[in-house]
N, C-alpha and C. Protein backbone atom coordinates (compact mmCIF):
# COMPACT_ATOMS: atom_id res chain seq x y z
N MET A 1 136.70 92.01 67.95
CA MET A 1 137.64 92.86 68.67
C MET A 1 136.89 94.07 69.18
N THR A 2 137.10 94.37 70.44
CA THR A 2 136.49 95.55 71.04
C THR A 2 137.55 96.65 71.17
N PHE A 3 137.08 97.86 71.49
CA PHE A 3 138.02 98.95 71.65
C PHE A 3 138.95 98.70 72.82
N LYS A 4 138.46 97.96 73.82
CA LYS A 4 139.29 97.61 74.98
C LYS A 4 140.48 96.74 74.54
N ASP A 5 140.27 95.89 73.53
CA ASP A 5 141.35 95.04 73.03
C ASP A 5 142.46 95.86 72.38
N LEU A 6 142.11 97.04 71.86
CA LEU A 6 143.12 97.90 71.24
C LEU A 6 144.08 98.49 72.27
N LEU A 7 143.61 98.61 73.50
CA LEU A 7 144.42 99.25 74.53
C LEU A 7 145.45 98.32 75.15
N LYS A 8 145.39 97.03 74.84
CA LYS A 8 146.38 96.11 75.40
C LYS A 8 147.73 96.35 74.73
N GLU A 9 148.76 96.00 75.43
CA GLU A 9 150.13 96.24 74.95
C GLU A 9 150.45 95.27 73.81
N PRO A 10 150.81 95.79 72.62
CA PRO A 10 151.15 94.89 71.51
C PRO A 10 152.51 94.23 71.75
N THR A 11 152.65 93.02 71.25
CA THR A 11 153.93 92.32 71.37
C THR A 11 154.89 92.84 70.31
N SER A 12 156.16 92.50 70.46
CA SER A 12 157.16 92.89 69.45
C SER A 12 156.82 92.29 68.10
N LYS A 13 156.28 91.08 68.12
CA LYS A 13 155.89 90.43 66.87
C LYS A 13 154.77 91.21 66.18
N ASP A 14 153.78 91.68 66.95
CA ASP A 14 152.70 92.49 66.38
C ASP A 14 153.24 93.78 65.77
N LEU A 15 154.15 94.44 66.48
CA LEU A 15 154.70 95.70 65.99
C LEU A 15 155.55 95.49 64.74
N ARG A 16 156.32 94.41 64.71
CA ARG A 16 157.11 94.11 63.50
C ARG A 16 156.19 93.81 62.32
N PHE A 17 155.14 93.06 62.58
CA PHE A 17 154.17 92.73 61.53
C PHE A 17 153.54 94.00 60.98
N PHE A 18 153.15 94.91 61.88
CA PHE A 18 152.57 96.18 61.47
C PHE A 18 153.57 97.00 60.65
N ALA A 19 154.81 97.09 61.15
CA ALA A 19 155.83 97.88 60.46
C ALA A 19 156.13 97.31 59.08
N GLY A 20 156.15 96.00 58.97
CA GLY A 20 156.44 95.38 57.68
C GLY A 20 155.30 95.51 56.68
N LEU A 21 154.07 95.54 57.15
CA LEU A 21 152.93 95.60 56.23
C LEU A 21 152.50 97.01 55.87
N GLN A 22 152.84 97.99 56.68
CA GLN A 22 152.36 99.33 56.36
C GLN A 22 153.05 99.90 55.12
N PHE A 23 154.30 99.52 54.86
CA PHE A 23 154.97 100.05 53.66
C PHE A 23 154.33 99.53 52.38
N PRO A 24 154.10 98.21 52.21
CA PRO A 24 153.40 97.78 50.99
C PRO A 24 152.00 98.39 50.87
N PHE A 25 151.33 98.62 51.99
CA PHE A 25 150.02 99.25 51.95
C PHE A 25 150.13 100.66 51.37
N PHE A 26 151.05 101.47 51.89
CA PHE A 26 151.20 102.83 51.39
C PHE A 26 151.76 102.85 49.97
N LEU A 27 152.56 101.88 49.61
CA LEU A 27 153.05 101.77 48.24
C LEU A 27 151.88 101.53 47.29
N PHE A 28 150.97 100.63 47.65
CA PHE A 28 149.80 100.35 46.83
C PHE A 28 148.88 101.57 46.74
N ILE A 29 148.65 102.23 47.87
CA ILE A 29 147.80 103.43 47.87
C ILE A 29 148.43 104.53 47.01
N SER A 30 149.74 104.70 47.11
CA SER A 30 150.43 105.71 46.31
C SER A 30 150.32 105.40 44.82
N TRP A 31 150.46 104.14 44.48
CA TRP A 31 150.34 103.73 43.07
C TRP A 31 148.92 104.02 42.55
N LEU A 32 147.90 103.70 43.37
CA LEU A 32 146.52 103.99 42.96
C LEU A 32 146.29 105.49 42.79
N LEU A 33 146.81 106.28 43.72
CA LEU A 33 146.64 107.74 43.61
C LEU A 33 147.39 108.30 42.41
N HIS A 34 148.56 107.75 42.10
CA HIS A 34 149.31 108.21 40.93
C HIS A 34 148.55 107.88 39.64
N ARG A 35 147.91 106.74 39.62
CA ARG A 35 147.11 106.38 38.44
C ARG A 35 145.93 107.33 38.27
N ARG A 36 145.46 107.94 39.36
CA ARG A 36 144.36 108.89 39.31
C ARG A 36 144.82 110.30 38.94
N GLY A 37 146.13 110.49 38.80
CA GLY A 37 146.62 111.78 38.34
C GLY A 37 147.39 112.59 39.35
N ILE A 38 147.59 112.10 40.54
CA ILE A 38 148.37 112.84 41.54
C ILE A 38 149.85 112.62 41.26
N GLU A 39 150.61 113.72 41.30
CA GLU A 39 152.04 113.64 40.99
C GLU A 39 152.81 112.91 42.09
N TRP A 40 153.98 112.42 41.73
CA TRP A 40 154.79 111.63 42.65
C TRP A 40 155.43 112.46 43.76
N GLY A 41 155.41 113.78 43.68
CA GLY A 41 156.07 114.63 44.68
C GLY A 41 155.63 114.32 46.10
N TRP A 42 154.35 114.52 46.38
CA TRP A 42 153.83 114.26 47.73
C TRP A 42 153.78 112.77 48.03
N LEU A 43 153.55 112.00 47.02
CA LEU A 43 153.49 110.55 47.24
C LEU A 43 154.86 109.99 47.62
N SER A 44 155.92 110.57 47.04
CA SER A 44 157.26 110.09 47.40
C SER A 44 157.60 110.46 48.84
N VAL A 45 157.13 111.61 49.32
CA VAL A 45 157.34 111.98 50.72
C VAL A 45 156.64 110.96 51.62
N LEU A 46 155.41 110.60 51.28
CA LEU A 46 154.67 109.59 52.04
C LEU A 46 155.41 108.26 52.04
N LEU A 47 155.95 107.87 50.89
CA LEU A 47 156.67 106.59 50.81
C LEU A 47 157.98 106.61 51.59
N VAL A 48 158.67 107.74 51.60
CA VAL A 48 159.92 107.84 52.37
C VAL A 48 159.62 107.73 53.87
N ILE A 49 158.58 108.43 54.33
CA ILE A 49 158.20 108.32 55.74
C ILE A 49 157.80 106.89 56.08
N SER A 50 157.05 106.27 55.19
CA SER A 50 156.62 104.89 55.42
C SER A 50 157.81 103.94 55.44
N ALA A 51 158.79 104.17 54.57
CA ALA A 51 159.99 103.32 54.56
C ALA A 51 160.79 103.49 55.85
N ILE A 52 160.88 104.72 56.34
CA ILE A 52 161.59 104.96 57.60
C ILE A 52 160.88 104.24 58.75
N VAL A 53 159.55 104.34 58.79
CA VAL A 53 158.78 103.65 59.84
C VAL A 53 159.00 102.15 59.73
N MET A 54 159.06 101.62 58.51
CA MET A 54 159.27 100.19 58.33
C MET A 54 160.64 99.76 58.84
N ILE A 55 161.68 100.50 58.47
CA ILE A 55 163.04 100.14 58.89
C ILE A 55 163.18 100.24 60.41
N VAL A 56 162.68 101.33 60.98
CA VAL A 56 162.76 101.49 62.43
C VAL A 56 161.92 100.43 63.13
N GLY A 57 160.73 100.16 62.61
CA GLY A 57 159.85 99.18 63.24
C GLY A 57 160.37 97.77 63.18
N LEU A 58 161.07 97.42 62.12
CA LEU A 58 161.62 96.07 62.02
C LEU A 58 162.86 95.91 62.90
N SER A 59 163.62 97.00 63.09
CA SER A 59 164.83 96.89 63.91
C SER A 59 164.55 97.15 65.40
N LYS A 60 163.73 98.14 65.72
CA LYS A 60 163.38 98.45 67.11
C LYS A 60 161.86 98.65 67.19
N PRO A 61 161.13 97.57 67.35
CA PRO A 61 159.66 97.64 67.26
C PRO A 61 159.00 98.56 68.28
N ARG A 62 159.59 98.75 69.46
CA ARG A 62 158.96 99.58 70.48
C ARG A 62 158.86 101.05 70.06
N LEU A 63 159.67 101.48 69.11
CA LEU A 63 159.64 102.89 68.69
C LEU A 63 158.42 103.21 67.83
N VAL A 64 157.78 102.21 67.24
CA VAL A 64 156.60 102.47 66.40
C VAL A 64 155.29 102.17 67.15
N ARG A 65 155.40 102.03 68.46
CA ARG A 65 154.23 101.67 69.26
C ARG A 65 153.13 102.72 69.16
N TRP A 66 153.46 103.98 69.24
CA TRP A 66 152.44 105.03 69.21
C TRP A 66 151.84 105.18 67.82
N ILE A 67 152.62 104.91 66.79
CA ILE A 67 152.06 104.92 65.43
C ILE A 67 151.05 103.78 65.30
N TYR A 68 151.40 102.63 65.87
CA TYR A 68 150.51 101.47 65.86
C TYR A 68 149.19 101.80 66.58
N PHE A 69 149.28 102.39 67.78
CA PHE A 69 148.07 102.75 68.53
C PHE A 69 147.22 103.76 67.75
N GLY A 70 147.86 104.74 67.15
CA GLY A 70 147.12 105.73 66.36
C GLY A 70 146.42 105.11 65.16
N TRP A 71 147.13 104.22 64.50
CA TRP A 71 146.55 103.55 63.33
C TRP A 71 145.36 102.68 63.74
N MET A 72 145.51 101.93 64.82
CA MET A 72 144.42 101.06 65.27
C MET A 72 143.21 101.88 65.73
N ALA A 73 143.45 103.01 66.38
CA ALA A 73 142.34 103.87 66.81
C ALA A 73 141.64 104.49 65.60
N ALA A 74 142.38 104.76 64.53
CA ALA A 74 141.78 105.36 63.34
C ALA A 74 140.96 104.34 62.55
N VAL A 75 141.42 103.10 62.46
CA VAL A 75 140.72 102.13 61.62
C VAL A 75 139.68 101.31 62.38
N PHE A 76 139.66 101.38 63.70
CA PHE A 76 138.66 100.62 64.47
C PHE A 76 137.23 100.98 64.08
N PRO A 77 136.85 102.27 64.00
CA PRO A 77 135.47 102.58 63.60
C PRO A 77 135.13 102.09 62.20
N ILE A 78 136.10 102.14 61.30
CA ILE A 78 135.86 101.66 59.94
C ILE A 78 135.56 100.16 59.97
N GLY A 79 136.37 99.41 60.69
CA GLY A 79 136.15 97.96 60.80
C GLY A 79 134.82 97.63 61.45
N TRP A 80 134.43 98.40 62.46
CA TRP A 80 133.17 98.15 63.14
C TRP A 80 131.99 98.36 62.18
N VAL A 81 132.02 99.45 61.44
CA VAL A 81 130.93 99.75 60.50
C VAL A 81 130.88 98.70 59.39
N VAL A 82 132.02 98.38 58.81
CA VAL A 82 132.05 97.42 57.70
C VAL A 82 131.58 96.05 58.16
N SER A 83 132.02 95.59 59.33
CA SER A 83 131.61 94.26 59.79
C SER A 83 130.11 94.22 60.06
N HIS A 84 129.54 95.28 60.62
CA HIS A 84 128.10 95.29 60.87
C HIS A 84 127.31 95.39 59.57
N LEU A 85 127.82 96.12 58.59
CA LEU A 85 127.15 96.18 57.30
C LEU A 85 127.16 94.82 56.61
N ILE A 86 128.28 94.12 56.67
CA ILE A 86 128.36 92.80 56.05
C ILE A 86 127.41 91.82 56.74
N MET A 87 127.36 91.85 58.07
CA MET A 87 126.44 90.96 58.78
C MET A 87 124.99 91.27 58.43
N ALA A 88 124.64 92.55 58.33
CA ALA A 88 123.27 92.92 57.97
C ALA A 88 122.94 92.49 56.55
N MET A 89 123.90 92.66 55.63
CA MET A 89 123.66 92.24 54.25
C MET A 89 123.46 90.73 54.16
N VAL A 90 124.28 89.96 54.86
CA VAL A 90 124.13 88.50 54.84
C VAL A 90 122.78 88.12 55.42
N TYR A 91 122.38 88.75 56.50
CA TYR A 91 121.11 88.40 57.13
C TYR A 91 119.94 88.73 56.21
N TYR A 92 119.91 89.95 55.67
CA TYR A 92 118.76 90.37 54.89
C TYR A 92 118.78 89.86 53.45
N LEU A 93 119.96 89.55 52.90
CA LEU A 93 120.03 89.08 51.52
C LEU A 93 120.15 87.57 51.39
N VAL A 94 120.49 86.86 52.47
CA VAL A 94 120.64 85.40 52.40
C VAL A 94 119.68 84.71 53.36
N VAL A 95 119.80 84.99 54.64
CA VAL A 95 119.03 84.25 55.65
C VAL A 95 117.53 84.54 55.52
N THR A 96 117.14 85.79 55.40
CA THR A 96 115.72 86.13 55.33
C THR A 96 115.04 85.53 54.09
N PRO A 97 115.61 85.66 52.87
CA PRO A 97 114.94 85.02 51.72
C PRO A 97 114.85 83.50 51.84
N VAL A 98 115.89 82.86 52.39
CA VAL A 98 115.83 81.40 52.57
C VAL A 98 114.70 81.05 53.52
N GLY A 99 114.55 81.77 54.61
CA GLY A 99 113.47 81.52 55.56
C GLY A 99 112.10 81.76 54.95
N MET A 100 111.97 82.81 54.15
CA MET A 100 110.68 83.09 53.52
C MET A 100 110.31 82.02 52.50
N ILE A 101 111.28 81.60 51.71
CA ILE A 101 111.02 80.53 50.73
C ILE A 101 110.65 79.24 51.44
N ARG A 102 111.36 78.91 52.50
CA ARG A 102 111.08 77.69 53.25
C ARG A 102 109.68 77.74 53.86
N ARG A 103 109.30 78.87 54.42
CA ARG A 103 107.98 78.99 55.03
C ARG A 103 106.89 78.90 53.97
N ARG A 104 107.12 79.48 52.80
CA ARG A 104 106.11 79.45 51.74
C ARG A 104 105.92 78.04 51.20
N ARG A 105 107.02 77.29 51.08
CA ARG A 105 106.93 75.94 50.50
C ARG A 105 106.48 74.89 51.50
N HIS A 106 106.89 75.01 52.76
CA HIS A 106 106.66 73.94 53.73
C HIS A 106 105.78 74.35 54.91
N GLY A 107 105.34 75.57 54.96
CA GLY A 107 104.49 75.99 56.07
C GLY A 107 105.30 76.27 57.33
N ASP A 108 104.60 76.36 58.43
CA ASP A 108 105.22 76.67 59.71
C ASP A 108 105.80 75.39 60.32
N PRO A 109 107.11 75.31 60.53
CA PRO A 109 107.69 74.06 61.07
C PRO A 109 107.29 73.80 62.52
N LEU A 110 106.86 74.80 63.25
CA LEU A 110 106.47 74.60 64.64
C LEU A 110 104.97 74.36 64.81
N HIS A 111 104.23 74.44 63.71
CA HIS A 111 102.78 74.23 63.71
C HIS A 111 102.11 75.12 64.76
N ARG A 112 102.42 76.40 64.69
CA ARG A 112 101.86 77.35 65.65
C ARG A 112 100.54 77.89 65.12
N GLU A 113 99.45 77.38 65.60
CA GLU A 113 98.14 77.91 65.28
C GLU A 113 97.31 77.92 66.56
N PHE A 114 96.55 78.96 66.72
CA PHE A 114 95.78 79.13 67.95
C PHE A 114 94.51 78.30 67.88
N ASP A 115 94.29 77.50 68.91
CA ASP A 115 93.07 76.71 69.04
C ASP A 115 92.44 77.07 70.39
N PRO A 116 91.36 77.87 70.39
CA PRO A 116 90.78 78.31 71.66
C PRO A 116 90.16 77.18 72.48
N GLU A 117 89.85 76.06 71.85
CA GLU A 117 89.20 74.96 72.57
C GLU A 117 90.19 73.89 73.03
N ALA A 118 91.46 74.06 72.74
CA ALA A 118 92.45 73.05 73.11
C ALA A 118 92.80 73.17 74.59
N ASP A 119 92.90 72.02 75.24
CA ASP A 119 93.34 72.01 76.64
C ASP A 119 94.84 72.21 76.74
N SER A 120 95.57 71.68 75.73
CA SER A 120 97.02 71.73 75.75
C SER A 120 97.52 71.69 74.31
N TYR A 121 98.71 72.16 74.12
CA TYR A 121 99.34 72.08 72.80
C TYR A 121 100.39 70.98 72.76
N TRP A 122 100.34 70.08 73.70
CA TRP A 122 101.28 68.97 73.79
C TRP A 122 101.12 68.07 72.57
N VAL A 123 102.24 67.67 71.97
CA VAL A 123 102.22 66.79 70.80
C VAL A 123 102.67 65.41 71.24
N GLU A 124 101.78 64.43 71.11
CA GLU A 124 102.12 63.05 71.47
C GLU A 124 103.04 62.47 70.40
N ARG A 125 104.09 61.83 70.84
CA ARG A 125 105.03 61.19 69.92
C ARG A 125 104.74 59.69 69.89
N PRO A 126 104.86 59.07 68.71
CA PRO A 126 104.55 57.64 68.61
C PRO A 126 105.62 56.77 69.25
N GLY A 127 105.22 55.88 70.14
CA GLY A 127 106.08 54.84 70.71
C GLY A 127 107.39 55.31 71.29
N GLN A 128 108.06 54.41 71.96
CA GLN A 128 109.36 54.69 72.54
C GLN A 128 110.40 53.86 71.81
N LYS A 129 111.57 54.43 71.59
CA LYS A 129 112.65 53.70 70.92
C LYS A 129 113.19 52.63 71.85
N PRO A 130 113.65 51.53 71.27
CA PRO A 130 114.32 50.52 72.11
C PRO A 130 115.64 51.07 72.64
N ASP A 131 116.06 50.62 73.80
CA ASP A 131 117.28 51.12 74.43
C ASP A 131 118.52 50.86 73.59
N GLU A 132 118.53 49.80 72.80
CA GLU A 132 119.70 49.47 71.96
C GLU A 132 119.96 50.55 70.91
N SER A 133 118.93 51.27 70.50
CA SER A 133 119.12 52.28 69.45
C SER A 133 119.99 53.43 69.93
N TYR A 134 120.09 53.64 71.23
CA TYR A 134 120.94 54.72 71.75
C TYR A 134 122.42 54.37 71.66
N PHE A 135 122.74 53.09 71.60
CA PHE A 135 124.14 52.66 71.51
C PHE A 135 124.59 52.55 70.06
N ARG A 136 123.67 52.46 69.12
CA ARG A 136 123.99 52.41 67.69
C ARG A 136 123.26 53.57 67.02
N GLN A 137 123.86 54.73 67.06
CA GLN A 137 123.18 55.92 66.56
C GLN A 137 123.20 56.01 65.04
N PHE A 138 124.18 55.36 64.42
CA PHE A 138 124.28 55.49 62.96
C PHE A 138 124.24 54.13 62.31
């Protein structure tokens, strides 16, 4: 998803989905903060506002459109950073070690070595397959 995708007009289904999910999200966050020692006073205000947004969003989704745009604009950079960090971790912690182990055990699969006296690096392949083998691949 690009930032340009955030600017497209959300459907009523998208807005209802957002309105329905934001209340359980804030309920969970409030519960976690209460477990950390924050009193229910401010958390209950947050939950009441979230409940109002949920009720209004489920009944008239167009009224929560600007809240939806604000939320998407706020979380887009977070998603961008997290996705790039995960891709980098997978590449450097999975793909790179597998490639290094494979190269150490089996050598260079492309047989790239410089030969100054070679006329060509063309590799001759043995024989030609019979034409029938193309019709029975397995």
